[in-house]
Protein backbone atom coordinates (compact mmCIF):
# COMPACT_ATOMS: atom_id res chain seq x y z
CA MET A 1 7.28 -28.34 -33.24
CA GLU A 2 4.06 -28.46 -31.40
CA LYS A 3 5.82 -28.77 -28.21
CA PHE A 4 7.81 -25.51 -28.86
CA THR A 5 4.66 -23.65 -29.41
CA LEU A 6 3.02 -24.91 -26.24
CA LEU A 7 6.01 -24.07 -24.40
CA PHE A 8 6.04 -20.49 -26.01
CA GLU A 9 2.57 -20.19 -24.93
CA GLU A 10 3.20 -21.31 -21.33
CA PHE A 11 6.08 -18.75 -20.84
CA ILE A 12 3.79 -15.97 -22.43
CA MET A 13 1.07 -16.76 -19.61
CA LYS A 14 3.89 -16.71 -16.84
CA ALA A 15 4.96 -13.35 -18.16
CA ILE A 16 1.31 -11.99 -18.24
CA THR A 17 0.80 -13.36 -14.76
CA MET A 18 4.26 -11.88 -13.45
CA THR A 19 3.78 -8.66 -14.87
CA GLU A 20 -0.43 -8.50 -13.52
CA ASN A 21 0.96 -9.56 -10.16
CA MET A 22 3.41 -6.49 -9.99
CA ILE A 23 0.85 -3.99 -11.34
CA ALA A 24 -1.84 -5.27 -8.55
CA SER A 25 1.01 -4.97 -5.94
CA GLU A 26 1.16 -1.90 -3.67
CA PHE A 27 4.89 -0.90 -3.97
CA THR A 28 6.67 -0.46 -0.62
CA GLN A 29 10.00 -0.44 1.03
CA ASP A 30 9.79 -4.47 0.73
CA THR A 31 8.86 -4.57 -3.07
CA ASN A 32 11.94 -6.41 -4.66
CA PHE A 33 11.91 -4.54 -7.98
CA GLU A 34 15.47 -6.28 -8.69
CA HIS A 35 14.07 -9.88 -8.06
CA PHE A 36 11.05 -8.81 -10.62
CA THR A 37 13.17 -7.38 -13.31
CA SER A 38 15.73 -10.07 -13.30
CA ASN A 39 13.04 -12.76 -13.38
CA ARG A 40 11.09 -11.14 -15.95
CA GLU A 41 14.59 -10.54 -18.12
CA ARG A 42 15.29 -14.54 -17.91
CA LEU A 43 11.68 -15.04 -18.79
CA PHE A 44 11.89 -13.18 -22.08
CA GLN A 45 15.35 -14.66 -22.78
CA ILE A 46 14.03 -18.01 -22.82
CA LEU A 47 10.83 -16.78 -24.71
CA ASP A 48 13.22 -15.67 -27.19
CA GLN A 49 15.42 -18.99 -27.57
CA ILE A 50 12.08 -20.72 -27.78
CA SER A 51 10.78 -18.34 -30.65
CA ASN A 52 14.16 -19.14 -32.58
CA LYS A 53 13.17 -22.81 -32.57
CA ILE A 54 9.63 -22.75 -33.87
CA GLU A 55 8.87 -22.84 -37.50
CA TRP A 56 6.75 -19.96 -37.63
CA ASN A 57 5.09 -20.83 -41.20
CA GLU A 58 3.89 -24.14 -39.75
CA VAL A 59 2.10 -22.93 -37.27
CA ALA A 60 -1.60 -22.33 -37.50
CA PRO A 61 -2.71 -18.80 -38.37
CA GLU A 62 -5.09 -18.78 -35.33
CA LYS A 63 -2.44 -19.79 -33.15
CA ARG A 64 -0.42 -17.05 -34.22
CA THR A 65 -2.98 -14.76 -34.09
CA GLU A 66 -3.22 -15.74 -30.57
CA LEU A 67 0.23 -15.53 -29.64
CA ASN A 68 0.49 -12.05 -31.34
CA ARG A 69 -2.45 -10.83 -29.08
CA GLN A 70 -1.13 -11.94 -25.97
CA ILE A 71 2.26 -10.18 -26.79
CA ASP A 72 0.09 -7.06 -27.34
CA TYR A 73 -1.38 -7.40 -24.19
CA ILE A 74 1.87 -7.72 -22.65
CA LYS A 75 2.93 -4.41 -23.91
CA LYS A 76 -0.24 -2.89 -22.74
CA LEU A 77 0.45 -4.12 -19.40
CA ASP A 78 4.24 -2.48 -19.54
CA GLU A 79 2.94 0.79 -20.50
CA LYS A 80 0.47 0.38 -17.09
CA LEU A 81 3.42 -0.67 -15.13
CA LEU A 82 5.65 1.86 -16.34
CA VAL A 83 2.80 4.77 -15.46
CA LYS A 84 2.77 3.08 -11.89
CA LEU A 85 6.53 3.18 -11.47
CA GLN A 86 6.72 6.74 -12.54
CA GLU A 87 4.10 7.51 -9.76
CA HIS A 88 6.11 5.70 -7.33
CA GLN A 89 9.16 7.24 -8.12
CA GLU A 90 7.33 10.74 -7.94
CA GLU A 91 6.22 9.58 -4.19
CA VAL A 92 9.77 8.45 -3.18
CA ARG A 93 11.38 11.69 -4.51
CA THR A 94 8.55 13.86 -2.77
CA GLU A 95 9.18 11.79 0.59
CA ILE A 96 13.15 12.24 0.10
CA GLU A 97 12.56 15.76 -0.31
CA ARG A 98 10.18 16.56 2.64
CA THR A 99 12.71 14.15 4.72
CA VAL A 100 15.71 16.54 3.86
CA ARG A 101 13.88 19.70 4.61
CA GLN A 102 12.73 18.15 8.03
CA LYS A 103 16.37 17.52 8.62
CA GLU A 104 17.62 20.96 7.60
CA ASN A 105 14.64 22.46 9.78
CA ILE A 106 15.85 20.20 12.65
CA LYS A 107 19.73 21.32 12.33
CA GLY A 108 18.59 25.00 12.89
CA TYR A 109 16.78 24.39 15.83
CA ASN A 110 19.73 25.36 18.43
CA LEU A 111 19.18 23.66 21.97
CA SER A 112 21.77 25.91 23.72
CA ASP A 113 19.68 28.73 23.89
CA VAL A 114 16.63 27.06 25.64
CA LYS A 115 17.15 27.78 29.86
């Protein structure tokens, strides 16, 4: 049973690292959000499967407390990531609006009037 607890802890740390790296990264056109979300989803599915194999009442209370603390930390990281994603979404929306306005301005420019 101890091996599943250690495996669970290892995958929790991977989730923390993955999320921290995404928060620290600069979002650009090259940022692959789909890759991040699909890998993260798989990671949490694995964590769920491992969790179901652990007899939690046999795990030491200190270990359970530590794992719960790490899970709470992931939740806080998720909140930070959501805020950053919302900010990025707003930046992209603003950029799209600006591009559409520029396109409309160029459409209105009639070159046939220039001699």
